Amino acid sequence: MRHDHSREGMTGLEMIIIIAILLIFMYAAASAIFGAYGTTEKKEGGIIVDAVGDESEILVLDGDSEGIQDTGGVIMGINLACQNPHPSMMGSCLIPVRLLTGSTGSIDMSTAKVVFSSGDVRETLPFTTDTTLNKPGWTIADRNHLIPLAEPDEDIYLEPNEVFTLLLYPENPVSAEESFSITLSTDNAVPLNEGFRLPPLIRTHRIVVLIPG
């Protein structure tokens, strides 16, 4: 009698295919688990992470910055105390800053470190909330919001879509046509480093637009 072995042969092939599929599935699952819980070096890598590190926010300028004659007076409700005026020099400056569009965090500006550099002189300016500003020092002179009809908070936390105008008052005034730089850094933000040049019009104008660079 002739036996038909085709059914048994097909069953064995099916078993091999099923086992192969199971092995492939197990390998894929193991790879996914290792990728999710593997070494921190692989998980924390990447161009953006390497560039930013633990810092989460980026500060940027919002529009023109302005220089103010070293003659004292009131600027945006802040009284600039000036005992020895220099009308042909810049005594203070207004720097509008905000968070980069898309930011979701906030920055406690009271923890910010502001460094003002001109020539060989490098000053770290202390923060104050007083309405009278003495040399050296800096404060938040004004608050605005990028969204029409929206109002900024009255606190010292710079939040998304808010613009803080900083009033910086270094100990040493800057001469006309001279350059200076500002560095603003906090624990949770990429430092803001900006350079400016003072136009000659400071000799005749109380407030002038600073030249970037």
N, C-alpha and C. Protein backbone atom coordinates (compact mmCIF):
# COMPACT_ATOMS: atom_id res chain seq x y z
N MET A 1 0.86 -1.20 0.00
CA MET A 1 0.00 0.00 0.00
C MET A 1 0.88 1.23 0.00
N ARG A 2 0.48 2.21 -0.79
CA ARG A 2 1.25 3.46 -0.89
C ARG A 2 0.70 4.48 0.08
N HIS A 3 1.59 5.02 0.95
CA HIS A 3 1.18 6.05 1.91
C HIS A 3 1.49 7.44 1.37
N ASP A 4 0.58 8.37 1.62
CA ASP A 4 0.77 9.77 1.18
C ASP A 4 1.43 10.56 2.32
N HIS A 5 2.71 10.95 2.17
CA HIS A 5 3.43 11.68 3.24
C HIS A 5 3.37 13.20 3.04
N SER A 6 2.62 13.68 2.06
CA SER A 6 2.61 15.11 1.79
C SER A 6 2.05 15.92 2.94
N ARG A 7 1.03 15.39 3.66
CA ARG A 7 0.44 16.12 4.77
C ARG A 7 1.44 16.25 5.91
N GLU A 8 2.18 15.15 6.24
CA GLU A 8 3.16 15.20 7.31
C GLU A 8 4.30 16.15 6.96
N GLY A 9 4.77 16.11 5.68
CA GLY A 9 5.84 17.01 5.26
C GLY A 9 5.42 18.47 5.38
N MET A 10 4.22 18.80 4.99
CA MET A 10 3.72 20.18 5.07
C MET A 10 3.62 20.61 6.51
N THR A 11 3.21 19.74 7.40
CA THR A 11 3.10 20.09 8.82
C THR A 11 4.45 20.42 9.41
N GLY A 12 5.48 19.71 9.04
CA GLY A 12 6.82 19.99 9.53
C GLY A 12 7.33 21.33 9.03
N LEU A 13 7.04 21.67 7.77
CA LEU A 13 7.46 22.95 7.22
C LEU A 13 6.76 24.10 7.92
N GLU A 14 5.47 23.90 8.19
CA GLU A 14 4.72 24.93 8.91
C GLU A 14 5.30 25.16 10.29
N MET A 15 5.73 24.12 10.96
CA MET A 15 6.31 24.27 12.30
C MET A 15 7.60 25.07 12.23
N ILE A 16 8.41 24.80 11.20
CA ILE A 16 9.67 25.54 11.05
C ILE A 16 9.40 27.03 10.83
N ILE A 17 8.41 27.33 9.98
CA ILE A 17 8.05 28.73 9.71
C ILE A 17 7.56 29.43 10.97
N ILE A 18 6.72 28.74 11.74
CA ILE A 18 6.18 29.33 12.97
C ILE A 18 7.29 29.62 13.97
N ILE A 19 8.23 28.65 14.11
CA ILE A 19 9.34 28.86 15.04
C ILE A 19 10.21 30.03 14.59
N ALA A 20 10.45 30.15 13.29
CA ALA A 20 11.26 31.26 12.77
C ALA A 20 10.59 32.59 13.05
N ILE A 21 9.26 32.64 12.85
CA ILE A 21 8.53 33.88 13.12
C ILE A 21 8.61 34.25 14.60
N LEU A 22 8.48 33.26 15.46
CA LEU A 22 8.57 33.51 16.90
C LEU A 22 9.94 34.03 17.30
N LEU A 23 11.00 33.47 16.71
CA LEU A 23 12.36 33.93 17.03
C LEU A 23 12.56 35.37 16.58
N ILE A 24 12.05 35.69 15.39
CA ILE A 24 12.18 37.06 14.89
C ILE A 24 11.44 38.04 15.82
N PHE A 25 10.23 37.65 16.25
CA PHE A 25 9.44 38.50 17.14
C PHE A 25 10.15 38.71 18.46
N MET A 26 10.72 37.63 19.03
CA MET A 26 11.42 37.73 20.31
C MET A 26 12.65 38.64 20.19
N TYR A 27 13.36 38.56 19.06
CA TYR A 27 14.54 39.40 18.84
C TYR A 27 14.14 40.88 18.76
N ALA A 28 13.04 41.13 18.03
CA ALA A 28 12.57 42.51 17.89
C ALA A 28 12.13 43.07 19.24
N ALA A 29 11.44 42.27 20.03
CA ALA A 29 10.98 42.72 21.34
C ALA A 29 12.16 43.00 22.26
N ALA A 30 13.17 42.13 22.24
CA ALA A 30 14.35 42.32 23.08
C ALA A 30 15.10 43.58 22.67
N SER A 31 15.19 43.84 21.39
CA SER A 31 15.87 45.05 20.91
C SER A 31 15.16 46.31 21.36
N ALA A 32 13.81 46.27 21.33
CA ALA A 32 13.04 47.44 21.75
C ALA A 32 13.21 47.72 23.23
N ILE A 33 13.20 46.64 24.03
CA ILE A 33 13.38 46.81 25.48
C ILE A 33 14.76 47.34 25.79
N PHE A 34 15.79 46.83 25.14
CA PHE A 34 17.16 47.28 25.39
C PHE A 34 17.33 48.74 24.97
N GLY A 35 16.68 49.11 23.86
CA GLY A 35 16.78 50.50 23.41
C GLY A 35 16.14 51.46 24.39
N ALA A 36 15.06 51.03 25.04
CA ALA A 36 14.37 51.92 25.98
C ALA A 36 15.07 52.00 27.32
N TYR A 37 15.68 50.90 27.78
CA TYR A 37 16.28 50.86 29.10
C TYR A 37 17.77 50.57 29.07
N GLY A 38 18.39 50.81 27.93
CA GLY A 38 19.81 50.54 27.81
C GLY A 38 20.66 51.58 28.49
N THR A 39 21.89 51.76 28.03
CA THR A 39 22.84 52.65 28.67
C THR A 39 22.42 54.09 28.52
N THR A 40 22.71 54.90 29.53
CA THR A 40 22.35 56.31 29.51
C THR A 40 23.15 57.05 28.46
N GLU A 41 24.33 56.57 28.09
CA GLU A 41 25.13 57.24 27.08
C GLU A 41 24.38 57.28 25.75
N LYS A 42 23.73 56.16 25.37
CA LYS A 42 22.99 56.14 24.12
C LYS A 42 21.70 56.93 24.23
N LYS A 43 21.03 56.85 25.36
CA LYS A 43 19.75 57.52 25.52
C LYS A 43 19.91 59.03 25.57
N GLU A 44 21.02 59.52 26.13
CA GLU A 44 21.21 60.95 26.31
C GLU A 44 22.04 61.58 25.21
N GLY A 45 22.36 60.83 24.17
CA GLY A 45 23.19 61.37 23.11
C GLY A 45 22.40 62.24 22.16
N GLY A 46 23.07 62.71 21.12
CA GLY A 46 22.39 63.52 20.12
C GLY A 46 23.01 64.89 20.02
N ILE A 47 22.86 65.52 18.84
CA ILE A 47 23.49 66.81 18.59
C ILE A 47 22.92 67.89 19.51
N ILE A 48 21.57 67.93 19.66
CA ILE A 48 20.96 68.99 20.47
C ILE A 48 21.35 68.83 21.92
N VAL A 49 21.31 67.60 22.45
CA VAL A 49 21.67 67.38 23.84
C VAL A 49 23.12 67.74 24.09
N ASP A 50 24.02 67.34 23.17
CA ASP A 50 25.43 67.67 23.34
C ASP A 50 25.67 69.16 23.34
N ALA A 51 24.89 69.91 22.54
CA ALA A 51 25.10 71.35 22.43
C ALA A 51 24.53 72.10 23.63
N VAL A 52 23.35 71.67 24.12
CA VAL A 52 22.67 72.40 25.18
C VAL A 52 22.98 71.86 26.56
N GLY A 53 23.21 70.55 26.67
CA GLY A 53 23.47 69.95 27.96
C GLY A 53 22.23 69.97 28.83
N ASP A 54 22.40 70.35 30.11
CA ASP A 54 21.29 70.37 31.04
C ASP A 54 20.46 71.64 30.92
N GLU A 55 20.91 72.61 30.13
CA GLU A 55 20.19 73.86 30.01
C GLU A 55 18.94 73.64 29.17
N SER A 56 17.85 74.32 29.55
CA SER A 56 16.58 74.03 28.90
C SER A 56 16.00 75.21 28.14
N GLU A 57 16.42 76.44 28.42
CA GLU A 57 15.83 77.59 27.77
C GLU A 57 16.90 78.40 27.04
N ILE A 58 16.46 79.16 26.05
CA ILE A 58 17.37 80.00 25.28
C ILE A 58 16.87 81.44 25.31
N LEU A 59 17.72 82.35 25.75
CA LEU A 59 17.39 83.77 25.80
C LEU A 59 17.79 84.44 24.48
N VAL A 60 16.93 85.33 23.99
CA VAL A 60 17.23 86.07 22.77
C VAL A 60 16.84 87.53 22.97
N LEU A 61 17.42 88.40 22.15
CA LEU A 61 17.02 89.81 22.15
C LEU A 61 15.69 89.96 21.42
N ASP A 62 14.92 90.97 21.82
CA ASP A 62 13.65 91.24 21.15
C ASP A 62 13.64 92.70 20.68
N GLY A 63 14.18 92.94 19.50
CA GLY A 63 14.20 94.29 18.97
C GLY A 63 15.47 95.05 19.34
N ASP A 64 15.40 96.37 19.19
CA ASP A 64 16.56 97.22 19.42
C ASP A 64 16.90 97.37 20.90
N SER A 65 18.19 97.49 21.15
CA SER A 65 18.68 97.87 22.47
C SER A 65 19.09 99.33 22.42
N GLU A 66 19.00 100.03 23.56
CA GLU A 66 19.24 101.47 23.57
C GLU A 66 20.25 101.86 24.64
N GLY A 67 21.05 102.86 24.31
CA GLY A 67 22.00 103.42 25.26
C GLY A 67 21.50 104.76 25.77
N ILE A 68 21.81 105.08 27.03
CA ILE A 68 21.30 106.29 27.68
C ILE A 68 22.47 107.11 28.21
N GLN A 69 22.42 108.42 27.97
CA GLN A 69 23.45 109.33 28.46
C GLN A 69 23.66 109.17 29.96
N ASP A 70 24.90 109.34 30.36
CA ASP A 70 25.24 109.23 31.78
C ASP A 70 24.93 110.56 32.49
N THR A 71 23.62 110.86 32.54
CA THR A 71 23.20 112.10 33.19
C THR A 71 22.14 111.86 34.26
N GLY A 72 21.82 110.60 34.53
CA GLY A 72 20.81 110.30 35.53
C GLY A 72 19.41 110.55 35.00
N GLY A 73 18.47 110.72 35.91
CA GLY A 73 17.09 110.96 35.52
C GLY A 73 16.24 109.70 35.62
N VAL A 74 15.00 109.81 35.16
CA VAL A 74 14.04 108.71 35.26
C VAL A 74 13.87 108.04 33.90
N ILE A 75 14.02 106.73 33.88
CA ILE A 75 13.83 105.91 32.67
C ILE A 75 12.85 104.80 33.00
N MET A 76 11.68 104.82 32.32
CA MET A 76 10.66 103.79 32.54
C MET A 76 10.30 103.63 34.01
N GLY A 77 10.23 104.72 34.70
CA GLY A 77 9.85 104.69 36.11
C GLY A 77 10.99 104.37 37.06
N ILE A 78 12.18 104.16 36.54
CA ILE A 78 13.35 103.87 37.37
C ILE A 78 14.22 105.12 37.46
N ASN A 79 14.55 105.53 38.66
CA ASN A 79 15.39 106.70 38.88
C ASN A 79 16.86 106.30 38.86
N LEU A 80 17.59 106.83 37.87
CA LEU A 80 19.02 106.54 37.76
C LEU A 80 19.80 107.55 38.61
N ALA A 81 20.36 107.08 39.70
CA ALA A 81 21.15 107.95 40.57
C ALA A 81 22.50 108.24 39.92
N CYS A 82 22.82 109.52 39.73
CA CYS A 82 24.06 109.90 39.05
C CYS A 82 24.70 111.08 39.76
N GLN A 83 25.82 110.83 40.44
CA GLN A 83 26.51 111.89 41.18
C GLN A 83 27.56 112.60 40.34
N ASN A 84 28.07 111.95 39.31
CA ASN A 84 29.12 112.53 38.48
C ASN A 84 28.76 112.30 37.01
N PRO A 85 27.92 113.14 36.42
CA PRO A 85 27.43 112.92 35.05
C PRO A 85 28.50 113.07 33.99
N HIS A 86 28.31 112.31 32.89
CA HIS A 86 29.18 112.38 31.71
C HIS A 86 28.28 112.44 30.47
N PRO A 87 27.84 113.63 30.06
CA PRO A 87 26.88 113.76 28.96
C PRO A 87 27.37 113.19 27.63
N SER A 88 28.67 113.09 27.43
CA SER A 88 29.20 112.59 26.16
C SER A 88 29.42 111.08 26.19
N MET A 89 28.97 110.42 27.26
CA MET A 89 29.18 108.98 27.42
C MET A 89 27.86 108.28 27.74
N MET A 90 27.85 106.97 27.54
CA MET A 90 26.69 106.17 27.90
C MET A 90 26.84 105.68 29.34
N GLY A 91 25.83 105.96 30.15
CA GLY A 91 25.88 105.50 31.53
C GLY A 91 25.09 104.24 31.77
N SER A 92 24.03 104.01 30.99
CA SER A 92 23.17 102.85 31.18
C SER A 92 22.61 102.41 29.84
N CYS A 93 21.97 101.25 29.83
CA CYS A 93 21.38 100.76 28.57
C CYS A 93 20.16 99.91 28.85
N LEU A 94 19.27 99.87 27.86
CA LEU A 94 18.04 99.08 27.92
C LEU A 94 18.16 97.90 26.98
N ILE A 95 17.98 96.69 27.51
CA ILE A 95 18.15 95.46 26.74
C ILE A 95 16.85 94.65 26.82
N PRO A 96 16.05 94.55 25.73
CA PRO A 96 14.82 93.75 25.76
C PRO A 96 15.12 92.27 25.48
N VAL A 97 14.70 91.39 26.36
CA VAL A 97 14.98 89.97 26.20
C VAL A 97 13.70 89.16 26.35
N ARG A 98 13.70 88.00 25.72
CA ARG A 98 12.60 87.04 25.83
C ARG A 98 13.15 85.64 25.65
N LEU A 99 12.29 84.65 25.86
CA LEU A 99 12.66 83.27 25.60
C LEU A 99 12.45 82.95 24.13
N LEU A 100 13.26 82.06 23.60
CA LEU A 100 13.11 81.64 22.22
C LEU A 100 11.71 81.07 22.00
N THR A 101 11.10 81.40 20.87
CA THR A 101 9.76 80.91 20.55
C THR A 101 9.71 79.39 20.64
N GLY A 102 8.72 78.88 21.33
CA GLY A 102 8.58 77.44 21.53
C GLY A 102 9.01 76.99 22.90
N SER A 103 9.61 77.88 23.68
CA SER A 103 10.02 77.53 25.04
C SER A 103 8.78 77.29 25.90
N THR A 104 8.92 76.40 26.86
CA THR A 104 7.79 76.06 27.73
C THR A 104 8.08 76.33 29.20
N GLY A 105 9.33 76.64 29.53
CA GLY A 105 9.68 76.87 30.91
C GLY A 105 9.67 78.35 31.26
N SER A 106 10.37 78.69 32.33
CA SER A 106 10.48 80.08 32.76
C SER A 106 11.84 80.27 33.43
N ILE A 107 12.22 81.54 33.61
CA ILE A 107 13.51 81.86 34.21
C ILE A 107 13.29 82.84 35.37
N ASP A 108 13.80 82.50 36.53
CA ASP A 108 13.80 83.41 37.67
C ASP A 108 14.91 84.43 37.45
N MET A 109 14.54 85.63 37.04
CA MET A 109 15.54 86.62 36.68
C MET A 109 16.35 87.12 37.88
N SER A 110 15.86 86.89 39.09
CA SER A 110 16.63 87.30 40.26
C SER A 110 17.89 86.46 40.42
N THR A 111 17.94 85.30 39.76
CA THR A 111 19.11 84.43 39.85
C THR A 111 20.07 84.67 38.68
N ALA A 112 19.71 85.57 37.77
CA ALA A 112 20.54 85.81 36.59
C ALA A 112 21.84 86.52 36.96
N LYS A 113 22.91 86.16 36.27
CA LYS A 113 24.19 86.83 36.43
C LYS A 113 24.43 87.70 35.21
N VAL A 114 24.58 89.00 35.44
CA VAL A 114 24.79 89.95 34.35
C VAL A 114 26.22 90.48 34.43
N VAL A 115 26.96 90.27 33.34
CA VAL A 115 28.34 90.75 33.26
C VAL A 115 28.43 91.79 32.15
N PHE A 116 28.95 92.97 32.49
CA PHE A 116 29.09 94.08 31.55
C PHE A 116 30.58 94.28 31.32
N SER A 117 31.00 94.21 30.04
CA SER A 117 32.42 94.32 29.70
C SER A 117 32.64 95.45 28.71
N SER A 118 33.62 96.31 29.02
CA SER A 118 33.98 97.41 28.13
C SER A 118 35.48 97.61 28.22
N GLY A 119 36.17 97.45 27.08
CA GLY A 119 37.63 97.53 27.10
C GLY A 119 38.21 96.43 27.98
N ASP A 120 39.04 96.80 28.92
CA ASP A 120 39.64 95.84 29.84
C ASP A 120 38.84 95.70 31.13
N VAL A 121 37.72 96.42 31.23
CA VAL A 121 36.93 96.41 32.46
C VAL A 121 35.79 95.41 32.33
N ARG A 122 35.66 94.57 33.33
CA ARG A 122 34.61 93.55 33.36
C ARG A 122 33.88 93.65 34.71
N GLU A 123 32.59 93.94 34.66
CA GLU A 123 31.82 94.15 35.89
C GLU A 123 30.68 93.14 35.99
N THR A 124 30.46 92.62 37.18
CA THR A 124 29.27 91.82 37.46
C THR A 124 28.27 92.70 38.18
N LEU A 125 27.11 92.92 37.55
CA LEU A 125 26.13 93.86 38.09
C LEU A 125 25.14 93.14 39.00
N PRO A 126 24.91 93.65 40.22
CA PRO A 126 23.93 93.03 41.11
C PRO A 126 22.50 93.40 40.72
N PHE A 127 21.57 92.50 40.99
CA PHE A 127 20.17 92.71 40.67
C PHE A 127 19.46 93.41 41.82
N THR A 128 18.50 94.29 41.48
CA THR A 128 17.69 94.95 42.49
C THR A 128 16.29 95.16 41.97
N THR A 129 15.33 95.25 42.88
CA THR A 129 13.95 95.58 42.52
C THR A 129 13.60 97.00 42.97
N ASP A 130 14.57 97.74 43.47
CA ASP A 130 14.33 99.12 43.90
C ASP A 130 14.01 100.01 42.70
N THR A 131 13.21 101.04 42.93
CA THR A 131 12.88 101.97 41.86
C THR A 131 13.98 103.02 41.68
N THR A 132 14.94 103.07 42.59
CA THR A 132 16.13 103.89 42.41
C THR A 132 17.30 102.97 42.15
N LEU A 133 17.97 103.18 41.01
CA LEU A 133 19.07 102.30 40.61
C LEU A 133 20.40 103.04 40.75
N ASN A 134 21.28 102.46 41.56
CA ASN A 134 22.61 103.01 41.77
C ASN A 134 23.64 102.21 41.00
N LYS A 135 24.76 102.85 40.69
CA LYS A 135 25.87 102.14 40.04
C LYS A 135 26.62 101.29 41.06
N PRO A 136 27.02 100.09 40.70
CA PRO A 136 26.57 99.29 39.55
C PRO A 136 25.31 98.52 39.91
N GLY A 137 24.50 98.19 38.94
CA GLY A 137 23.31 97.40 39.21
C GLY A 137 22.46 97.23 37.97
N TRP A 138 21.44 96.41 38.09
CA TRP A 138 20.49 96.22 36.99
C TRP A 138 19.13 95.85 37.55
N THR A 139 18.10 96.11 36.77
CA THR A 139 16.75 95.80 37.20
C THR A 139 15.86 95.54 35.99
N ILE A 140 14.64 95.10 36.25
CA ILE A 140 13.64 94.92 35.19
C ILE A 140 12.86 96.22 35.11
N ALA A 141 13.05 96.97 34.01
CA ALA A 141 12.43 98.29 33.89
C ALA A 141 11.03 98.22 33.30
N ASP A 142 10.76 97.19 32.49
CA ASP A 142 9.46 97.13 31.82
C ASP A 142 9.14 95.69 31.46
N ARG A 143 7.84 95.40 31.35
CA ARG A 143 7.35 94.07 30.98
C ARG A 143 6.31 94.21 29.88
N ASN A 144 6.41 93.37 28.86
CA ASN A 144 5.44 93.37 27.77
C ASN A 144 5.11 91.95 27.37
N HIS A 145 4.14 91.80 26.49
CA HIS A 145 3.71 90.47 26.04
C HIS A 145 3.64 90.46 24.52
N LEU A 146 4.07 89.36 23.90
CA LEU A 146 4.07 89.25 22.45
C LEU A 146 2.67 89.06 21.88
N ILE A 147 1.76 88.50 22.68
CA ILE A 147 0.40 88.24 22.21
C ILE A 147 -0.47 89.48 22.44
N PRO A 148 -1.11 89.98 21.39
CA PRO A 148 -1.96 91.16 21.54
C PRO A 148 -3.02 90.97 22.62
N LEU A 149 -3.22 92.02 23.42
CA LEU A 149 -4.20 92.07 24.51
C LEU A 149 -3.82 91.22 25.71
N ALA A 150 -2.77 90.44 25.62
CA ALA A 150 -2.31 89.65 26.77
C ALA A 150 -1.44 90.52 27.66
N GLU A 151 -1.50 90.28 28.95
CA GLU A 151 -0.73 91.06 29.91
C GLU A 151 0.33 90.20 30.58
N PRO A 152 1.55 90.72 30.72
CA PRO A 152 2.59 89.95 31.41
C PRO A 152 2.35 89.94 32.92
N ASP A 153 2.87 88.92 33.58
CA ASP A 153 2.80 88.89 35.03
C ASP A 153 3.68 89.99 35.62
N GLU A 154 3.41 90.37 36.84
CA GLU A 154 4.20 91.41 37.50
C GLU A 154 5.32 90.81 38.35
N ASP A 155 5.59 89.51 38.16
CA ASP A 155 6.65 88.88 38.94
C ASP A 155 7.98 89.00 38.20
N ILE A 156 9.01 88.35 38.74
CA ILE A 156 10.35 88.44 38.14
C ILE A 156 10.68 87.18 37.35
N TYR A 157 9.66 86.38 37.02
CA TYR A 157 9.87 85.16 36.22
C TYR A 157 9.59 85.47 34.74
N LEU A 158 10.59 85.30 33.92
CA LEU A 158 10.43 85.50 32.49
C LEU A 158 9.80 84.24 31.91
N GLU A 159 8.59 84.36 31.39
CA GLU A 159 7.83 83.22 30.89
C GLU A 159 7.66 83.32 29.37
N PRO A 160 7.25 82.23 28.72
CA PRO A 160 7.06 82.26 27.27
C PRO A 160 6.16 83.41 26.83
N ASN A 161 6.56 84.08 25.76
CA ASN A 161 5.84 85.20 25.14
C ASN A 161 5.94 86.50 25.93
N GLU A 162 6.64 86.51 27.04
CA GLU A 162 6.87 87.75 27.77
C GLU A 162 8.19 88.38 27.32
N VAL A 163 8.22 89.71 27.35
CA VAL A 163 9.44 90.46 27.03
C VAL A 163 9.78 91.33 28.22
N PHE A 164 10.98 91.13 28.77
CA PHE A 164 11.47 91.95 29.87
C PHE A 164 12.51 92.93 29.33
N THR A 165 12.32 94.21 29.61
CA THR A 165 13.33 95.21 29.25
C THR A 165 14.22 95.44 30.46
N LEU A 166 15.48 95.05 30.32
CA LEU A 166 16.43 95.15 31.43
C LEU A 166 17.15 96.49 31.35
N LEU A 167 17.28 97.13 32.50
CA LEU A 167 18.02 98.39 32.60
C LEU A 167 19.34 98.10 33.32
N LEU A 168 20.44 98.22 32.58
CA LEU A 168 21.77 97.93 33.11
C LEU A 168 22.51 99.23 33.39
N TYR A 169 23.14 99.31 34.57
CA TYR A 169 23.79 100.54 35.00
C TYR A 169 25.18 100.19 35.55
N PRO A 170 26.18 100.11 34.67
CA PRO A 170 27.53 99.74 35.13
C PRO A 170 28.21 100.87 35.88
N GLU A 171 29.25 100.54 36.59
CA GLU A 171 30.03 101.54 37.33
C GLU A 171 30.76 102.48 36.39
N ASN A 172 31.24 101.92 35.27
CA ASN A 172 32.07 102.70 34.34
C ASN A 172 31.29 103.02 33.07
N PRO A 173 31.12 104.32 32.74
CA PRO A 173 30.42 104.71 31.51
C PRO A 173 31.23 104.35 30.27
N VAL A 174 30.54 104.31 29.13
CA VAL A 174 31.16 103.93 27.86
C VAL A 174 31.25 105.16 26.96
N SER A 175 32.40 105.38 26.36
CA SER A 175 32.60 106.52 25.48
C SER A 175 31.91 106.31 24.14
N ALA A 176 31.58 107.42 23.48
CA ALA A 176 30.96 107.36 22.15
C ALA A 176 31.86 106.60 21.19
N GLU A 177 31.23 105.80 20.33
CA GLU A 177 31.90 105.00 19.30
C GLU A 177 32.73 103.84 19.86
N GLU A 178 32.62 103.60 21.16
CA GLU A 178 33.31 102.46 21.76
C GLU A 178 32.39 101.24 21.78
N SER A 179 32.99 100.07 21.91
CA SER A 179 32.23 98.81 21.95
C SER A 179 32.17 98.26 23.36
N PHE A 180 31.12 97.49 23.62
CA PHE A 180 30.98 96.80 24.90
C PHE A 180 30.16 95.54 24.68
N SER A 181 30.15 94.67 25.67
CA SER A 181 29.40 93.42 25.55
C SER A 181 28.68 93.12 26.85
N ILE A 182 27.64 92.31 26.71
CA ILE A 182 26.81 91.92 27.85
C ILE A 182 26.64 90.41 27.83
N THR A 183 26.81 89.80 28.98
CA THR A 183 26.55 88.37 29.13
C THR A 183 25.52 88.18 30.22
N LEU A 184 24.44 87.48 29.89
CA LEU A 184 23.38 87.21 30.85
C LEU A 184 23.23 85.69 30.94
N SER A 185 23.45 85.15 32.13
CA SER A 185 23.40 83.70 32.29
C SER A 185 22.57 83.33 33.52
N THR A 186 21.89 82.18 33.43
CA THR A 186 21.13 81.64 34.54
C THR A 186 21.38 80.15 34.62
N ASP A 187 20.87 79.52 35.68
CA ASP A 187 21.11 78.08 35.87
C ASP A 187 20.41 77.23 34.82
N ASN A 188 19.28 77.70 34.28
CA ASN A 188 18.51 76.85 33.37
C ASN A 188 18.32 77.48 32.00
N ALA A 189 19.32 78.26 31.55
CA ALA A 189 19.22 78.87 30.23
C ALA A 189 20.57 78.93 29.56
N VAL A 190 20.56 78.85 28.24
CA VAL A 190 21.78 79.07 27.47
C VAL A 190 22.15 80.54 27.61
N PRO A 191 23.39 80.87 27.98
CA PRO A 191 23.77 82.28 28.20
C PRO A 191 23.54 83.15 26.97
N LEU A 192 23.11 84.38 27.23
CA LEU A 192 22.95 85.38 26.18
C LEU A 192 24.21 86.22 26.13
N ASN A 193 24.91 86.21 25.00
CA ASN A 193 26.13 86.99 24.81
C ASN A 193 25.92 87.94 23.64
N GLU A 194 25.95 89.24 23.91
CA GLU A 194 25.71 90.22 22.86
C GLU A 194 26.75 91.34 22.93
N GLY A 195 27.19 91.77 21.76
CA GLY A 195 28.11 92.89 21.67
C GLY A 195 27.44 94.08 21.00
N PHE A 196 27.85 95.30 21.40
CA PHE A 196 27.25 96.51 20.85
C PHE A 196 28.34 97.57 20.65
N ARG A 197 28.01 98.53 19.80
CA ARG A 197 28.87 99.70 19.64
C ARG A 197 28.02 100.94 19.85
N LEU A 198 28.58 101.92 20.56
CA LEU A 198 27.85 103.13 20.90
C LEU A 198 28.02 104.18 19.79
N PRO A 199 26.91 104.65 19.20
CA PRO A 199 27.02 105.65 18.13
C PRO A 199 27.45 107.02 18.69
N PRO A 200 28.01 107.87 17.84
CA PRO A 200 28.47 109.19 18.30
C PRO A 200 27.34 110.11 18.73
N LEU A 201 26.10 109.81 18.32
CA LEU A 201 24.96 110.67 18.66
C LEU A 201 24.69 110.72 20.16
N ILE A 202 25.31 109.84 20.94
CA ILE A 202 25.12 109.88 22.39
C ILE A 202 25.56 111.23 22.96
N ARG A 203 26.41 111.92 22.24
CA ARG A 203 26.90 113.23 22.71
C ARG A 203 25.80 114.29 22.70
N THR A 204 24.82 114.11 21.83
CA THR A 204 23.77 115.11 21.70
C THR A 204 22.36 114.58 21.98
N HIS A 205 22.20 113.25 22.02
CA HIS A 205 20.90 112.65 22.27
C HIS A 205 20.91 111.90 23.60
N ARG A 206 19.85 112.02 24.36
CA ARG A 206 19.83 111.33 25.64
C ARG A 206 19.74 109.82 25.47
N ILE A 207 18.96 109.37 24.46
CA ILE A 207 18.78 107.94 24.21
C ILE A 207 19.10 107.65 22.75
N VAL A 208 19.92 106.65 22.50
CA VAL A 208 20.29 106.27 21.14
C VAL A 208 20.13 104.76 20.96
N VAL A 209 19.89 104.34 19.73
CA VAL A 209 19.83 102.91 19.41
C VAL A 209 21.24 102.38 19.28
N LEU A 210 21.54 101.30 19.98
CA LEU A 210 22.87 100.70 19.95
C LEU A 210 23.07 99.92 18.65
N ILE A 211 24.31 99.91 18.19
CA ILE A 211 24.68 99.20 16.97
C ILE A 211 25.13 97.79 17.35
N PRO A 212 24.44 96.74 16.87
CA PRO A 212 24.85 95.37 17.22
C PRO A 212 26.22 95.03 16.67
N GLY A 213 26.91 94.15 17.38
CA GLY A 213 28.19 93.66 16.90
C GLY A 213 29.38 94.25 17.64
